[in-house]
């Protein structure tokens, strides 16, 4: 597709929705809309998934492609993707199965294991689970302290706790399960926190690795939405072999999950130089301080061009399970 034909496409940027990450999604949507307009697209509209007239606007707009700037439930979990499949409207980023598997952390860990990618040890519990003292002691003996407790299908660190005392474990499980669904209790892997963005469909490529320096116990909500210069070191300060390994594992995760358009895999690099994967985001944040756009910028891709690339990738034929 030549540039003129690409820029003639009518784009609906869908954001908002009902998840815990609604406000972040709205910010991402506004910035993506501005970037696509700056790239030269003639028609770029912003639609809130939660608006009562959302469907009418979507169907009446004559859009060639949807750009989901959605995070969390209904947006990143395969729901909006399935809806758009039914409507036969092309959309950016991963399809139904890749989105669903990528969101469910315990399911994605099974995919990582099959692909030879190490993930933290842990257990998957139903929301509302209350462990007996004996069960708490057994879990602590198996995983050690501290322990991370998180929703099995949420993002942006909502509901995540770093538990340092066994007595606090049940409270953390209750907090992580407040939205329903399942809860993941994982060992704490110590080391350097990094993230590796990947862009592409059938021939994806890894972008520069970002080292995340927080000064906090973990990359929590407060840190995530502070200016990127405070916390992002690009390229990450890793030995060349470890740097290349992290990129290779992110590409492997992207392919194993069946991702399209882009993904961003988060890792902890241990003191021995082994990257341990935490999760893969199928619709990473797209605000000015977000990790993927910051990495792309350091790799020579400005934000408007990055967003235009996502639209172009969305219009390529979909095949396989992504």
C-alpha atoms as a PDB file:
ATOM      1  CA  UNK A   1       0.000   0.000   0.000  1.00  0.00           C
ATOM      2  CA  UNK A   2       1.473   3.358  -0.983  1.00  0.00           C
ATOM      3  CA  UNK A   3       1.573   6.295   1.417  1.00  0.00           C
ATOM      4  CA  UNK A   4      -1.241   8.250  -0.220  1.00  0.00           C
ATOM      5  CA  UNK A   5      -3.608   5.273  -0.087  1.00  0.00           C
ATOM      6  CA  UNK A   6      -2.715   4.617   3.566  1.00  0.00           C
ATOM      7  CA  UNK A   7      -3.387   8.198   4.610  1.00  0.00           C
ATOM      8  CA  UNK A   8      -6.768   8.150   2.876  1.00  0.00           C
ATOM      9  CA  UNK A   9      -8.045   5.545   5.355  1.00  0.00           C
ATOM     10  CA  UNK A  10     -10.703   6.616   7.851  1.00  0.00           C
ATOM     11  CA  UNK A  11      -9.610   5.747  11.394  1.00  0.00           C
ATOM     12  CA  UNK A  12     -11.660   5.390  14.579  1.00  0.00           C
ATOM     13  CA  UNK A  13      -9.530   5.592  17.719  1.00  0.00           C
ATOM     14  CA  UNK A  14     -11.504   3.677  20.363  1.00  0.00           C
ATOM     15  CA  UNK A  15     -10.651   4.411  23.984  1.00  0.00           C
ATOM     16  CA  UNK A  16     -12.194   4.804  27.434  1.00  0.00           C
ATOM     17  CA  UNK A  17     -14.399   1.866  28.297  1.00  0.00           C
ATOM     18  CA  UNK A  18     -15.193   0.608  31.794  1.00  0.00           C
ATOM     19  CA  UNK A  19     -11.932  -0.849  33.149  1.00  0.00           C
ATOM     20  CA  UNK A  20      -9.771   0.459  35.984  1.00  0.00           C
ATOM     21  CA  UNK A  21      -7.566   1.918  33.276  1.00  0.00           C
ATOM     22  CA  UNK A  22     -10.244   4.123  31.693  1.00  0.00           C
ATOM     23  CA  UNK A  23      -8.467   7.424  32.375  1.00  0.00           C
ATOM     24  CA  UNK A  24      -5.161   6.119  31.026  1.00  0.00           C
ATOM     25  CA  UNK A  25      -6.990   4.825  27.945  1.00  0.00           C
ATOM     26  CA  UNK A  26      -8.575   8.222  27.321  1.00  0.00           C
ATOM     27  CA  UNK A  27      -5.133   9.848  27.497  1.00  0.00           C
ATOM     28  CA  UNK A  28      -3.719   7.250  25.109  1.00  0.00           C
ATOM     29  CA  UNK A  29      -6.635   7.787  22.736  1.00  0.00           C
ATOM     30  CA  UNK A  30      -6.252  11.542  22.589  1.00  0.00           C
ATOM     31  CA  UNK A  31      -2.516  11.289  21.947  1.00  0.00           C
ATOM     32  CA  UNK A  32      -2.956   8.606  19.282  1.00  0.00           C
ATOM     33  CA  UNK A  33      -5.623  10.699  17.543  1.00  0.00           C
ATOM     34  CA  UNK A  34      -3.304  13.731  17.506  1.00  0.00           C
ATOM     35  CA  UNK A  35      -0.414  11.601  16.236  1.00  0.00           C
ATOM     36  CA  UNK A  36      -2.453  10.114  13.388  1.00  0.00           C
ATOM     37  CA  UNK A  37      -3.644  13.565  12.348  1.00  0.00           C
ATOM     38  CA  UNK A  38      -0.047  14.787  12.437  1.00  0.00           C
ATOM     39  CA  UNK A  39       0.954  11.793  10.298  1.00  0.00           C
ATOM     40  CA  UNK A  40      -1.481  13.020   7.645  1.00  0.00           C
ATOM     41  CA  UNK A  41      -4.611  10.888   8.003  1.00  0.00           C
ATOM     42  CA  UNK A  42      -7.574  12.878   6.741  1.00  0.00           C
ATOM     43  CA  UNK A  43     -10.229  11.449   9.081  1.00  0.00           C
ATOM     44  CA  UNK A  44      -9.439  10.384  12.642  1.00  0.00           C
ATOM     45  CA  UNK A  45     -12.276  10.288  15.156  1.00  0.00           C
ATOM     46  CA  UNK A  46     -12.134   9.551  18.879  1.00  0.00           C
ATOM     47  CA  UNK A  47     -14.831   7.185  20.163  1.00  0.00           C
ATOM     48  CA  UNK A  48     -15.442   6.247  23.808  1.00  0.00           C
ATOM     49  CA  UNK A  49     -16.320   2.564  24.103  1.00  0.00           C
ATOM     50  CA  UNK A  50     -18.524   3.335  27.116  1.00  0.00           C
ATOM     51  CA  UNK A  51     -20.606   6.009  25.363  1.00  0.00           C
ATOM     52  CA  UNK A  52     -24.272   5.099  24.819  1.00  0.00           C
ATOM     53  CA  UNK A  53     -24.034   6.047  21.139  1.00  0.00           C
ATOM     54  CA  UNK A  54     -20.707   4.271  20.543  1.00  0.00           C
ATOM     55  CA  UNK A  55     -22.097   1.611  18.219  1.00  0.00           C
ATOM     56  CA  UNK A  56     -24.111   4.097  16.164  1.00  0.00           C
ATOM     57  CA  UNK A  57     -21.048   6.303  15.649  1.00  0.00           C
ATOM     58  CA  UNK A  58     -18.887   3.303  14.785  1.00  0.00           C
ATOM     59  CA  UNK A  59     -21.318   1.948  12.200  1.00  0.00           C
ATOM     60  CA  UNK A  60     -22.206   5.329  10.712  1.00  0.00           C
ATOM     61  CA  UNK A  61     -18.640   6.589  10.428  1.00  0.00           C
ATOM     62  CA  UNK A  62     -17.635   4.475   7.454  1.00  0.00           C
ATOM     63  CA  UNK A  63     -14.306   3.637   9.108  1.00  0.00           C
ATOM     64  CA  UNK A  64     -11.681   1.591   7.313  1.00  0.00           C
ATOM     65  CA  UNK A  65      -9.851   0.630  10.495  1.00  0.00           C
ATOM     66  CA  UNK A  66     -10.221   0.822  14.280  1.00  0.00           C
ATOM     67  CA  UNK A  67      -7.249   1.828  16.420  1.00  0.00           C
ATOM     68  CA  UNK A  68      -7.929   0.435  19.934  1.00  0.00           C
ATOM     69  CA  UNK A  69      -6.276   2.588  22.580  1.00  0.00           C
ATOM     70  CA  UNK A  70      -7.854   0.435  25.273  1.00  0.00           C
ATOM     71  CA  UNK A  71      -6.362  -1.211  28.325  1.00  0.00           C
ATOM     72  CA  UNK A  72      -7.695  -3.813  30.733  1.00  0.00           C
ATOM     73  CA  UNK A  73     -11.059  -5.540  30.690  1.00  0.00           C
ATOM     74  CA  UNK A  74     -13.105  -5.415  27.460  1.00  0.00           C
ATOM     75  CA  UNK A  75     -10.290  -3.693  25.592  1.00  0.00           C
ATOM     76  CA  UNK A  76      -7.149  -5.792  25.833  1.00  0.00           C
ATOM     77  CA  UNK A  77      -8.703  -9.167  26.626  1.00  0.00           C
ATOM     78  CA  UNK A  78     -10.176 -10.124  23.249  1.00  0.00           C
ATOM     79  CA  UNK A  79     -13.671  -8.667  23.787  1.00  0.00           C
ATOM     80  CA  UNK A  80     -13.466  -5.618  21.509  1.00  0.00           C
ATOM     81  CA  UNK A  81     -11.428  -7.686  19.062  1.00  0.00           C
ATOM     82  CA  UNK A  82     -14.178 -10.294  18.775  1.00  0.00           C
ATOM     83  CA  UNK A  83     -16.793  -7.564  18.397  1.00  0.00           C
ATOM     84  CA  UNK A  84     -14.850  -5.979  15.527  1.00  0.00           C
ATOM     85  CA  UNK A  85     -14.387  -9.384  13.897  1.00  0.00           C
ATOM     86  CA  UNK A  86     -18.174  -9.798  13.860  1.00  0.00           C
ATOM     87  CA  UNK A  87     -18.548  -6.348  12.282  1.00  0.00           C
ATOM     88  CA  UNK A  88     -15.790  -7.150   9.731  1.00  0.00           C
ATOM     89  CA  UNK A  89     -13.883  -3.967  10.605  1.00  0.00           C
ATOM     90  CA  UNK A  90     -10.071  -4.254  10.493  1.00  0.00           C
ATOM     91  CA  UNK A  91      -8.321  -3.215  13.705  1.00  0.00           C
ATOM     92  CA  UNK A  92      -4.827  -2.559  15.001  1.00  0.00           C
ATOM     93  CA  UNK A  93      -2.928  -4.974  17.224  1.00  0.00           C
ATOM     94  CA  UNK A  94      -3.549  -8.571  18.208  1.00  0.00           C
ATOM     95  CA  UNK A  95      -6.607 -10.678  17.505  1.00  0.00           C
ATOM     96  CA  UNK A  96      -9.029 -12.438  19.822  1.00  0.00           C
ATOM     97  CA  UNK A  97      -6.965 -15.426  20.930  1.00  0.00           C
ATOM     98  CA  UNK A  98      -3.633 -13.613  21.342  1.00  0.00           C
ATOM     99  CA  UNK A  99      -5.341 -10.836  23.300  1.00  0.00           C
ATOM    100  CA  UNK A 100      -7.173 -13.251  25.585  1.00  0.00           C
ATOM    101  CA  UNK A 101      -4.151 -15.448  26.254  1.00  0.00           C
ATOM    102  CA  UNK A 102      -1.842 -12.465  26.745  1.00  0.00           C
ATOM    103  CA  UNK A 103      -4.215 -10.969  29.308  1.00  0.00           C
ATOM    104  CA  UNK A 104      -4.629 -14.127  31.388  1.00  0.00           C
ATOM    105  CA  UNK A 105      -1.248 -14.307  33.089  1.00  0.00           C
ATOM    106  CA  UNK A 106      -1.457 -17.931  34.181  1.00  0.00           C
ATOM    107  CA  UNK A 107      -2.461 -19.030  30.660  1.00  0.00           C
ATOM    108  CA  UNK A 108       0.284 -16.988  29.043  1.00  0.00           C
ATOM    109  CA  UNK A 109       2.793 -18.583  31.434  1.00  0.00           C
ATOM    110  CA  UNK A 110       1.890 -21.980  29.957  1.00  0.00           C
ATOM    111  CA  UNK A 111       2.595 -20.576  26.489  1.00  0.00           C
ATOM    112  CA  UNK A 112       5.929 -19.168  27.684  1.00  0.00           C
ATOM    113  CA  UNK A 113       6.901 -22.533  29.158  1.00  0.00           C
ATOM    114  CA  UNK A 114       6.146 -24.290  25.862  1.00  0.00           C
ATOM    115  CA  UNK A 115       8.304 -21.688  24.088  1.00  0.00           C
ATOM    116  CA  UNK A 116      11.205 -22.150  26.499  1.00  0.00           C
ATOM    117  CA  UNK A 117      10.806 -18.781  28.241  1.00  0.00           C
ATOM    118  CA  UNK A 118      11.266 -18.765  32.002  1.00  0.00           C
ATOM    119  CA  UNK A 119       8.526 -17.118  34.105  1.00  0.00           C
ATOM    120  CA  UNK A 120       8.240 -16.778  37.907  1.00  0.00           C
ATOM    121  CA  UNK A 121       6.934 -19.750  39.866  1.00  0.00           C
ATOM    122  CA  UNK A 122       3.509 -19.268  41.368  1.00  0.00           C
ATOM    123  CA  UNK A 123      -0.030 -20.469  41.946  1.00  0.00           C
ATOM    124  CA  UNK A 124      -3.357 -19.421  40.471  1.00  0.00           C
ATOM    125  CA  UNK A 125      -6.267 -18.926  42.921  1.00  0.00           C
ATOM    126  CA  UNK A 126      -9.947 -18.099  42.572  1.00  0.00           C
ATOM    127  CA  UNK A 127     -10.974 -14.612  43.701  1.00  0.00           C
ATOM    128  CA  UNK A 128     -12.298 -14.786  47.246  1.00  0.00           C
ATOM    129  CA  UNK A 129      -9.910 -17.551  48.280  1.00  0.00           C
ATOM    130  CA  UNK A 130      -8.963 -17.428  51.955  1.00  0.00           C
ATOM    131  CA  UNK A 131      -5.936 -19.548  52.816  1.00  0.00           C
ATOM    132  CA  UNK A 132      -5.657 -21.392  56.114  1.00  0.00           C
ATOM    133  CA  UNK A 133      -2.597 -20.761  58.277  1.00  0.00           C
ATOM    134  CA  UNK A 134      -1.206 -24.097  57.088  1.00  0.00           C
ATOM    135  CA  UNK A 135      -1.727 -23.149  53.423  1.00  0.00           C
ATOM    136  CA  UNK A 136      -0.080 -19.775  53.967  1.00  0.00           C
ATOM    137  CA  UNK A 137       2.929 -21.422  55.592  1.00  0.00           C
ATOM    138  CA  UNK A 138       3.198 -23.955  52.757  1.00  0.00           C
ATOM    139  CA  UNK A 139       3.017 -21.231  50.088  1.00  0.00           C
ATOM    140  CA  UNK A 140       5.639 -19.113  51.820  1.00  0.00           C
ATOM    141  CA  UNK A 141       7.875 -22.159  52.185  1.00  0.00           C
ATOM    142  CA  UNK A 142       7.533 -22.859  48.461  1.00  0.00           C
ATOM    143  CA  UNK A 143       7.846 -19.316  47.068  1.00  0.00           C
ATOM    144  CA  UNK A 144       9.708 -17.482  49.821  1.00  0.00           C
ATOM    145  CA  UNK A 145       9.234 -13.872  50.856  1.00  0.00           C
ATOM    146  CA  UNK A 146       8.565 -11.327  49.504  1.00  0.00           C
ATOM    147  CA  UNK A 147       5.701 -12.604  47.326  1.00  0.00           C
ATOM    148  CA  UNK A 148       3.847 -10.712  44.597  1.00  0.00           C
ATOM    149  CA  UNK A 149       0.060 -10.990  44.494  1.00  0.00           C
ATOM    150  CA  UNK A 150      -1.774  -9.672  41.429  1.00  0.00           C
ATOM    151  CA  UNK A 151      -5.006 -10.000  39.463  1.00  0.00           C
ATOM    152  CA  UNK A 152      -4.545 -12.712  36.834  1.00  0.00           C
ATOM    153  CA  UNK A 153      -6.112 -10.503  34.146  1.00  0.00           C
ATOM    154  CA  UNK A 154      -5.472  -6.829  34.806  1.00  0.00           C
ATOM    155  CA  UNK A 155      -2.824  -4.275  33.943  1.00  0.00           C
ATOM    156  CA  UNK A 156      -1.045  -1.082  35.018  1.00  0.00           C
ATOM    157  CA  UNK A 157      -0.320  -2.579  38.464  1.00  0.00           C
ATOM    158  CA  UNK A 158      -3.928  -2.285  39.654  1.00  0.00           C
ATOM    159  CA  UNK A 159      -4.470  -4.577  42.628  1.00  0.00           C
ATOM    160  CA  UNK A 160      -0.796  -5.621  42.831  1.00  0.00           C
ATOM    161  CA  UNK A 161       0.824  -6.087  46.250  1.00  0.00           C
ATOM    162  CA  UNK A 162       4.349  -6.932  47.330  1.00  0.00           C
ATOM    163  CA  UNK A 163       3.856  -9.065  50.433  1.00  0.00           C
ATOM    164  CA  UNK A 164       6.735  -9.155  52.903  1.00  0.00           C
ATOM    165  CA  UNK A 165       4.992 -10.889  55.816  1.00  0.00           C
ATOM    166  CA  UNK A 166       2.978 -14.100  55.740  1.00  0.00           C
ATOM    167  CA  UNK A 167       0.254 -12.478  57.839  1.00  0.00           C
ATOM    168  CA  UNK A 168      -0.499 -10.023  55.004  1.00  0.00           C
ATOM    169  CA  UNK A 169      -0.995 -12.646  52.290  1.00  0.00           C
ATOM    170  CA  UNK A 170      -4.766 -13.136  52.633  1.00  0.00           C
ATOM    171  CA  UNK A 171      -5.403  -9.373  52.590  1.00  0.00           C
ATOM    172  CA  UNK A 172      -3.363  -9.079  49.392  1.00  0.00           C
ATOM    173  CA  UNK A 173      -5.315 -11.945  47.790  1.00  0.00           C
ATOM    174  CA  UNK A 174      -8.590 -10.217  48.697  1.00  0.00           C
ATOM    175  CA  UNK A 175      -7.362  -6.913  47.205  1.00  0.00           C
ATOM    176  CA  UNK A 176      -6.235  -8.557  43.973  1.00  0.00           C
ATOM    177  CA  UNK A 177      -9.555 -10.367  43.650  1.00  0.00           C
ATOM    178  CA  UNK A 178     -11.815  -7.354  44.192  1.00  0.00           C
ATOM    179  CA  UNK A 179     -12.710  -7.202  40.497  1.00  0.00           C
ATOM    180  CA  UNK A 180     -13.557 -10.902  40.297  1.00  0.00           C
ATOM    181  CA  UNK A 181     -11.638 -13.318  38.124  1.00  0.00           C
ATOM    182  CA  UNK A 182      -8.570 -15.094  39.416  1.00  0.00           C
ATOM    183  CA  UNK A 183      -5.524 -14.142  41.458  1.00  0.00           C
ATOM    184  CA  UNK A 184      -1.876 -14.952  40.805  1.00  0.00           C
ATOM    185  CA  UNK A 185       0.561 -15.456  43.691  1.00  0.00           C
ATOM    186  CA  UNK A 186       4.167 -15.436  42.450  1.00  0.00           C
ATOM    187  CA  UNK A 187       7.702 -15.620  43.721  1.00  0.00           C
ATOM    188  CA  UNK A 188       9.615 -12.354  43.742  1.00  0.00           C
ATOM    189  CA  UNK A 189      12.434 -12.500  41.184  1.00  0.00           C
ATOM    190  CA  UNK A 190      15.128  -9.969  42.089  1.00  0.00           C
ATOM    191  CA  UNK A 191      17.116  -8.074  39.497  1.00  0.00           C
ATOM    192  CA  UNK A 192      16.936  -5.344  36.863  1.00  0.00           C
ATOM    193  CA  UNK A 193      13.465  -4.584  35.509  1.00  0.00           C
ATOM    194  CA  UNK A 194      13.337  -4.148  31.736  1.00  0.00           C
ATOM    195  CA  UNK A 195      10.763  -4.089  28.973  1.00  0.00           C
ATOM    196  CA  UNK A 196      11.199  -5.047  25.330  1.00  0.00           C
ATOM    197  CA  UNK A 197       8.775  -3.656  22.732  1.00  0.00           C
ATOM    198  CA  UNK A 198       8.216  -5.578  19.497  1.00  0.00           C
ATOM    199  CA  UNK A 199       6.634  -4.202  16.308  1.00  0.00           C
ATOM    200  CA  UNK A 200       5.355  -6.211  13.351  1.00  0.00           C
ATOM    201  CA  UNK A 201       3.162  -9.045  12.149  1.00  0.00           C
ATOM    202  CA  UNK A 202       4.787 -11.955  10.317  1.00  0.00           C
ATOM    203  CA  UNK A 203       8.282 -10.454  10.499  1.00  0.00           C
ATOM    204  CA  UNK A 204       8.391  -8.621  13.843  1.00  0.00           C
ATOM    205  CA  UNK A 205      11.416  -6.751  15.135  1.00  0.00           C
ATOM    206  CA  UNK A 206      12.461  -5.829  18.636  1.00  0.00           C
ATOM    207  CA  UNK A 207      12.908  -2.162  19.540  1.00  0.00           C
ATOM    208  CA  UNK A 208      15.530  -0.840  21.988  1.00  0.00           C
ATOM    209  CA  UNK A 209      15.353  -2.441  25.438  1.00  0.00           C
ATOM    210  CA  UNK A 210      14.187  -0.092  28.195  1.00  0.00           C
ATOM    211  CA  UNK A 211      15.609  -0.338  31.707  1.00  0.00           C
ATOM    212  CA  UNK A 212      13.099   0.756  34.335  1.00  0.00           C
ATOM    213  CA  UNK A 213      14.585   2.559  37.336  1.00  0.00           C
ATOM    214  CA  UNK A 214      11.911   3.244  39.942  1.00  0.00           C
ATOM    215  CA  UNK A 215      13.341   3.789  43.392  1.00  0.00           C
ATOM    216  CA  UNK A 216      10.142   2.037  44.525  1.00  0.00           C
ATOM    217  CA  UNK A 217       9.420  -1.541  45.557  1.00  0.00           C
ATOM    218  CA  UNK A 218       8.074  -2.204  42.066  1.00  0.00           C
ATOM    219  CA  UNK A 219       6.862  -0.376  38.943  1.00  0.00           C
ATOM    220  CA  UNK A 220       3.632   0.819  40.544  1.00  0.00           C
ATOM    221  CA  UNK A 221       0.910   3.199  39.352  1.00  0.00           C
ATOM    222  CA  UNK A 222       2.572   6.345  40.693  1.00  0.00           C
ATOM    223  CA  UNK A 223       5.855   5.576  38.958  1.00  0.00           C
ATOM    224  CA  UNK A 224       4.248   4.493  35.671  1.00  0.00           C
ATOM    225  CA  UNK A 225       2.631   7.858  35.069  1.00  0.00           C
ATOM    226  CA  UNK A 226       5.497  10.123  36.103  1.00  0.00           C
ATOM    227  CA  UNK A 227       7.652  11.676  33.334  1.00  0.00           C
ATOM    228  CA  UNK A 228       9.492   8.935  31.440  1.00  0.00           C
ATOM    229  CA  UNK A 229      12.891  10.628  31.789  1.00  0.00           C
ATOM    230  CA  UNK A 230      12.713   9.950  35.524  1.00  0.00           C
ATOM    231  CA  UNK A 231      12.530   6.184  35.099  1.00  0.00           C
ATOM    232  CA  UNK A 232      13.487   5.006  31.585  1.00  0.00           C
ATOM    233  CA  UNK A 233      17.095   4.233  30.658  1.00  0.00           C
ATOM    234  CA  UNK A 234      17.397   3.537  26.914  1.00  0.00           C
ATOM    235  CA  UNK A 235      19.196   1.415  25.908  1.00  0.00           C
ATOM    236  CA  UNK A 236      19.162  -0.724  29.034  1.00  0.00           C
ATOM    237  CA  UNK A 237      22.541  -1.115  30.747  1.00  0.00           C
ATOM    238  CA  UNK A 238      22.983  -4.814  29.995  1.00  0.00           C
ATOM    239  CA  UNK A 239      25.855  -6.893  28.704  1.00  0.00           C
ATOM    240  CA  UNK A 240      25.527  -7.241  24.898  1.00  0.00           C
ATOM    241  CA  UNK A 241      24.729 -10.948  25.099  1.00  0.00           C
ATOM    242  CA  UNK A 242      22.040 -10.439  27.740  1.00  0.00           C
ATOM    243  CA  UNK A 243      20.582  -7.496  25.787  1.00  0.00           C
ATOM    244  CA  UNK A 244      20.310  -9.633  22.655  1.00  0.00           C
ATOM    245  CA  UNK A 245      18.812 -12.507  24.657  1.00  0.00           C
ATOM    246  CA  UNK A 246      16.096 -10.251  26.080  1.00  0.00           C
ATOM    247  CA  UNK A 247      15.168  -9.079  22.583  1.00  0.00           C
ATOM    248  CA  UNK A 248      15.142 -12.650  21.289  1.00  0.00           C
ATOM    249  CA  UNK A 249      12.865 -13.796  24.134  1.00  0.00           C
ATOM    250  CA  UNK A 250      10.472 -10.884  23.537  1.00  0.00           C
ATOM    251  CA  UNK A 251      10.266 -11.859  19.864  1.00  0.00           C
ATOM    252  CA  UNK A 252       9.702 -15.467  20.885  1.00  0.00           C
ATOM    253  CA  UNK A 253       6.871 -14.427  23.235  1.00  0.00           C
ATOM    254  CA  UNK A 254       5.316 -12.238  20.513  1.00  0.00           C
ATOM    255  CA  UNK A 255       5.285 -15.163  18.076  1.00  0.00           C
ATOM    256  CA  UNK A 256       4.226 -17.800  20.631  1.00  0.00           C
ATOM    257  CA  UNK A 257       1.204 -15.763  21.720  1.00  0.00           C
ATOM    258  CA  UNK A 258       0.352 -14.936  18.106  1.00  0.00           C
ATOM    259  CA  UNK A 259       0.627 -11.162  18.565  1.00  0.00           C
ATOM    260  CA  UNK A 260       0.195  -8.676  15.727  1.00  0.00           C
ATOM    261  CA  UNK A 261       1.079  -5.029  15.328  1.00  0.00           C
ATOM    262  CA  UNK A 262       3.055  -4.751  18.532  1.00  0.00           C
ATOM    263  CA  UNK A 263       3.631  -6.217  21.955  1.00  0.00           C
ATOM    264  CA  UNK A 264       5.698  -5.259  24.975  1.00  0.00           C
ATOM    265  CA  UNK A 265       7.152  -7.968  27.195  1.00  0.00           C
ATOM    266  CA  UNK A 266       8.317  -7.148  30.716  1.00  0.00           C
ATOM    267  CA  UNK A 267      11.238  -9.014  32.293  1.00  0.00           C
ATOM    268  CA  UNK A 268      13.384  -9.154  35.392  1.00  0.00           C
ATOM    269  CA  UNK A 269      17.039  -9.799  34.566  1.00  0.00           C
ATOM    270  CA  UNK A 270      18.610 -11.791  37.404  1.00  0.00           C
ATOM    271  CA  UNK A 271      22.117 -11.243  38.735  1.00  0.00           C
ATOM    272  CA  UNK A 272      23.238 -14.200  36.593  1.00  0.00           C
ATOM    273  CA  UNK A 273      21.992 -12.427  33.448  1.00  0.00           C
ATOM    274  CA  UNK A 274      18.843 -14.499  32.848  1.00  0.00           C
ATOM    275  CA  UNK A 275      15.742 -12.586  31.649  1.00  0.00           C
ATOM    276  CA  UNK A 276      12.614 -13.875  33.432  1.00  0.00           C
ATOM    277  CA  UNK A 277       9.364 -12.835  31.755  1.00  0.00           C
ATOM    278  CA  UNK A 278       6.583 -11.259  33.826  1.00  0.00           C
ATOM    279  CA  UNK A 279       3.935 -10.580  31.185  1.00  0.00           C
ATOM    280  CA  UNK A 280       3.293  -9.487  27.610  1.00  0.00           C
ATOM    281  CA  UNK A 281       1.130  -6.453  26.896  1.00  0.00           C
ATOM    282  CA  UNK A 282      -0.774  -6.697  23.617  1.00  0.00           C
ATOM    283  CA  UNK A 283      -1.917  -3.053  23.679  1.00  0.00           C
ATOM    284  CA  UNK A 284       0.849  -1.171  25.505  1.00  0.00           C
ATOM    285  CA  UNK A 285       0.291   2.337  26.817  1.00  0.00           C
ATOM    286  CA  UNK A 286       0.390   5.049  24.172  1.00  0.00           C
ATOM    287  CA  UNK A 287       0.833   8.259  26.150  1.00  0.00           C
ATOM    288  CA  UNK A 288       3.828  10.575  25.831  1.00  0.00           C
ATOM    289  CA  UNK A 289       5.574   8.900  28.783  1.00  0.00           C
ATOM    290  CA  UNK A 290       4.688   5.338  27.812  1.00  0.00           C
ATOM    291  CA  UNK A 291       7.404   2.742  27.386  1.00  0.00           C
ATOM    292  CA  UNK A 292       6.851   1.591  23.801  1.00  0.00           C
ATOM    293  CA  UNK A 293       6.687   5.080  22.218  1.00  0.00           C
ATOM    294  CA  UNK A 294       9.752   6.116  24.236  1.00  0.00           C
ATOM    295  CA  UNK A 295      11.674   3.065  23.005  1.00  0.00           C
ATOM    296  CA  UNK A 296      10.552   3.660  19.408  1.00  0.00           C
ATOM    297  CA  UNK A 297      11.672   7.289  19.597  1.00  0.00           C
ATOM    298  CA  UNK A 298      15.141   6.184  20.682  1.00  0.00           C
ATOM    299  CA  UNK A 299      15.091   3.748  17.769  1.00  0.00           C
ATOM    300  CA  UNK A 300      14.420   6.582  15.303  1.00  0.00           C
ATOM    301  CA  UNK A 301      10.628   6.204  14.998  1.00  0.00           C
ATOM    302  CA  UNK A 302       8.660   9.272  16.048  1.00  0.00           C
ATOM    303  CA  UNK A 303       5.202   8.796  17.524  1.00  0.00           C
ATOM    304  CA  UNK A 304       3.146   9.876  14.467  1.00  0.00           C
ATOM    305  CA  UNK A 305       5.048   7.447  12.240  1.00  0.00           C
ATOM    306  CA  UNK A 306       4.701   4.687  14.819  1.00  0.00           C
ATOM    307  CA  UNK A 307       0.916   5.096  14.924  1.00  0.00           C
ATOM    308  CA  UNK A 308       0.750   5.183  11.118  1.00  0.00           C
ATOM    309  CA  UNK A 309       2.736   1.941  11.044  1.00  0.00           C
ATOM    310  CA  UNK A 310       0.186   0.308  13.339  1.00  0.00           C
ATOM    311  CA  UNK A 311      -2.619   1.269  10.947  1.00  0.00           C
ATOM    312  CA  UNK A 312      -0.669  -0.110   8.000  1.00  0.00           C
ATOM    313  CA  UNK A 313      -0.009  -3.387   9.853  1.00  0.00           C
ATOM    314  CA  UNK A 314      -3.709  -3.642  10.746  1.00  0.00           C
ATOM    315  CA  UNK A 315      -4.630  -3.636   7.066  1.00  0.00           C
ATOM    316  CA  UNK A 316      -2.370  -6.570   6.234  1.00  0.00           C
ATOM    317  CA  UNK A 317      -4.270  -9.889   5.832  1.00  0.00           C
ATOM    318  CA  UNK A 318      -4.777 -11.714   9.113  1.00  0.00           C
ATOM    319  CA  UNK A 319      -3.774 -15.341   9.271  1.00  0.00           C
ATOM    320  CA  UNK A 320      -3.158 -17.909  11.975  1.00  0.00           C
ATOM    321  CA  UNK A 321      -4.452 -17.535  15.519  1.00  0.00           C
ATOM    322  CA  UNK A 322      -3.500 -13.918  16.275  1.00  0.00           C
END
